Amino acid sequence: MIARRKTMPPDLQPAWAAFQAQAERVESARQALLGCLPVGRIDPAPVPVGLDLLRDELTAVATELDGWRVPAMEEAWQACRDAVEEALTQIPAARTVSATTGELEEMLDAVSGVVEPLDAWHDAGVAWLRRRRRP
C-alpha cells in the first residue's frame, strides 16, 4: 500500500499559495527586525531600520490580505489582519524606545510588543495545514 501525502484541496490552493507568500514576507521581516537587536559582538543594523522594514512589509501585506480570505479560513484571516494592525500600531513606541535607550532589555520589550502579535501568522499556518487531505 502506498501512503499518499496530504495535499491542499484544489479549491483552497490559490488562497493557500497567497497565504504562504504573505506569511514568508511577514516572517522574513520579523526576523530582520530581531536581527537588529544588539546581542553578541557584531554590530547589527539599527533597530529603526528593522522597524522600517517590518512596517513596509506589513503595510504591503495588509493590502494583499484578501488574496487568501476564504470562508474556511475566516477566523485565521481575521487574526492575521488584527495582528498586522496591532504590530503597526506598536512600531512608533518601539521606535521611541530604540531612540532613547541603549538598554537591551528595554529594546527587547519594545520590539516584543511589535513582533508578538505576528505569532497569529504561525497559528494560521497550522490551521491551513489542518485543511490538507489525502487524495
Protein backbone atom coordinates (compact mmCIF):
# COMPACT_ATOMS: atom_id res chain seq x y z
CA MET A 1 0.00 0.00 0.00
CA ILE A 2 1.38 3.36 -1.00
CA ALA A 3 0.94 6.14 1.54
CA ARG A 4 -0.20 9.31 -0.11
CA ARG A 5 0.76 12.69 1.20
CA LYS A 6 -1.89 15.10 2.26
CA THR A 7 -2.47 17.99 -0.12
CA MET A 8 -4.49 21.14 -0.02
CA PRO A 9 -7.92 20.75 -1.64
CA PRO A 10 -7.90 22.26 -5.15
CA ASP A 11 -10.44 24.95 -4.25
CA LEU A 12 -8.14 26.23 -1.48
CA GLN A 13 -4.84 26.04 -3.36
CA PRO A 14 -4.81 29.63 -4.72
CA ALA A 15 -5.63 31.08 -1.29
CA TRP A 16 -3.06 28.76 0.35
CA ALA A 17 -0.38 29.98 -2.08
CA ALA A 18 -1.27 33.61 -1.33
CA PHE A 19 -1.12 32.93 2.40
CA GLN A 20 2.27 31.21 2.11
CA ALA A 21 3.77 34.12 0.18
CA GLN A 22 2.47 36.68 2.68
CA ALA A 23 3.49 34.60 5.71
CA GLU A 24 7.01 34.31 4.30
CA ARG A 25 7.23 38.09 3.89
CA VAL A 26 5.97 38.67 7.43
CA GLU A 27 8.38 36.14 8.91
CA SER A 28 11.37 37.42 6.94
CA ALA A 29 10.71 41.00 8.04
CA ARG A 30 10.14 39.84 11.62
CA GLN A 31 13.47 38.01 11.62
CA ALA A 32 15.22 41.02 10.11
CA LEU A 33 13.93 43.21 12.94
CA LEU A 34 15.00 40.69 15.57
CA GLY A 35 18.42 40.56 13.90
CA CYS A 36 18.80 44.29 14.59
CA LEU A 37 18.83 43.79 18.34
CA PRO A 38 22.26 44.44 19.83
CA VAL A 39 23.16 40.98 21.10
CA GLY A 40 26.55 39.39 20.67
CA ARG A 41 29.69 41.06 19.46
CA ILE A 42 28.63 42.02 15.95
CA ASP A 43 27.12 45.45 15.46
CA PRO A 44 23.73 44.88 13.88
CA ALA A 45 21.76 47.30 11.76
CA PRO A 46 20.00 49.92 13.88
CA VAL A 47 16.63 48.84 15.30
CA PRO A 48 14.81 51.68 13.47
CA VAL A 49 15.97 50.15 10.17
CA GLY A 50 14.38 46.85 11.15
CA LEU A 51 11.23 48.62 12.28
CA ASP A 52 11.01 50.44 8.93
CA LEU A 53 11.45 47.19 7.03
CA LEU A 54 8.77 45.45 9.08
CA ARG A 55 6.41 48.41 8.73
CA ASP A 56 6.85 48.47 4.96
CA GLU A 57 6.27 44.72 4.64
CA LEU A 58 3.23 44.74 6.92
CA THR A 59 1.76 47.69 5.05
CA ALA A 60 2.20 45.85 1.75
CA VAL A 61 0.81 42.59 3.13
CA ALA A 62 -2.21 44.44 4.55
CA THR A 63 -3.18 45.50 1.03
CA GLU A 64 -2.94 41.89 -0.19
CA LEU A 65 -4.73 40.08 2.65
CA ASP A 66 -7.86 39.45 0.64
CA GLY A 67 -5.82 37.11 -1.55
CA TRP A 68 -6.29 34.34 0.99
CA ARG A 69 -9.60 35.29 2.56
CA VAL A 70 -11.82 32.26 2.18
CA PRO A 71 -14.71 31.16 4.42
CA ALA A 72 -12.81 28.08 5.61
CA MET A 73 -10.04 30.32 7.00
CA GLU A 74 -12.03 33.36 8.12
CA GLU A 75 -11.06 33.11 11.79
CA ALA A 76 -7.35 32.80 11.00
CA TRP A 77 -7.64 35.58 8.41
CA GLN A 78 -9.23 37.91 10.97
CA ALA A 79 -6.49 37.07 13.49
CA CYS A 80 -3.75 37.84 10.97
CA ARG A 81 -5.41 41.08 9.90
CA ASP A 82 -5.70 42.12 13.56
CA ALA A 83 -2.07 41.10 14.18
CA VAL A 84 -0.84 43.29 11.32
CA GLU A 85 -2.83 46.24 12.65
CA GLU A 86 -1.59 45.71 16.20
CA ALA A 87 2.03 45.36 15.14
CA LEU A 88 1.79 48.51 13.03
CA THR A 89 0.38 50.48 15.97
CA GLN A 90 3.25 49.31 18.21
CA ILE A 91 6.04 50.39 15.85
CA PRO A 92 6.08 54.11 16.83
CA ALA A 93 6.52 53.23 20.53
CA ALA A 94 9.30 50.78 19.70
CA ARG A 95 10.98 53.45 17.58
CA THR A 96 10.84 55.89 20.50
CA VAL A 97 12.35 53.36 22.89
CA SER A 98 15.12 52.46 20.45
CA ALA A 99 15.97 56.14 20.03
CA THR A 100 16.06 56.87 23.75
CA THR A 101 17.86 53.89 25.26
CA GLY A 102 20.73 51.55 24.70
CA GLU A 103 19.41 49.08 27.27
CA LEU A 104 18.86 45.72 25.65
CA GLU A 105 16.03 44.74 27.98
CA GLU A 106 14.04 47.88 27.19
CA MET A 107 14.56 47.40 23.46
CA LEU A 108 13.57 43.73 23.75
CA ASP A 109 10.33 44.69 25.48
CA ALA A 110 9.53 47.29 22.84
CA VAL A 111 10.36 45.01 19.92
CA SER A 112 8.41 42.15 21.53
CA GLY A 113 5.34 44.36 21.51
CA VAL A 114 5.72 44.62 17.76
CA VAL A 115 6.56 41.01 16.88
CA GLU A 116 4.46 39.02 19.35
CA PRO A 117 1.12 39.76 17.65
CA LEU A 118 2.60 38.29 14.48
CA ASP A 119 2.52 34.84 16.07
CA ALA A 120 -1.00 34.77 14.62
CA TRP A 121 0.62 34.03 11.26
CA HIS A 122 2.17 30.84 12.63
CA ASP A 123 -1.19 29.83 14.10
CA ALA A 124 -2.84 30.49 10.74
CA GLY A 125 -0.23 28.31 9.04
CA VAL A 126 -1.11 25.47 11.40
CA ALA A 127 -4.81 26.00 10.66
CA TRP A 128 -4.08 25.89 6.93
CA LEU A 129 -2.18 22.61 7.28
CA ARG A 130 -5.18 21.07 9.03
CA ARG A 131 -7.13 21.67 5.80
CA ARG A 132 -4.95 19.24 3.85
CA ARG A 133 -6.49 15.94 2.83
CA ARG A 134 -5.25 12.68 1.40
CA PRO A 135 -6.03 12.38 -2.32
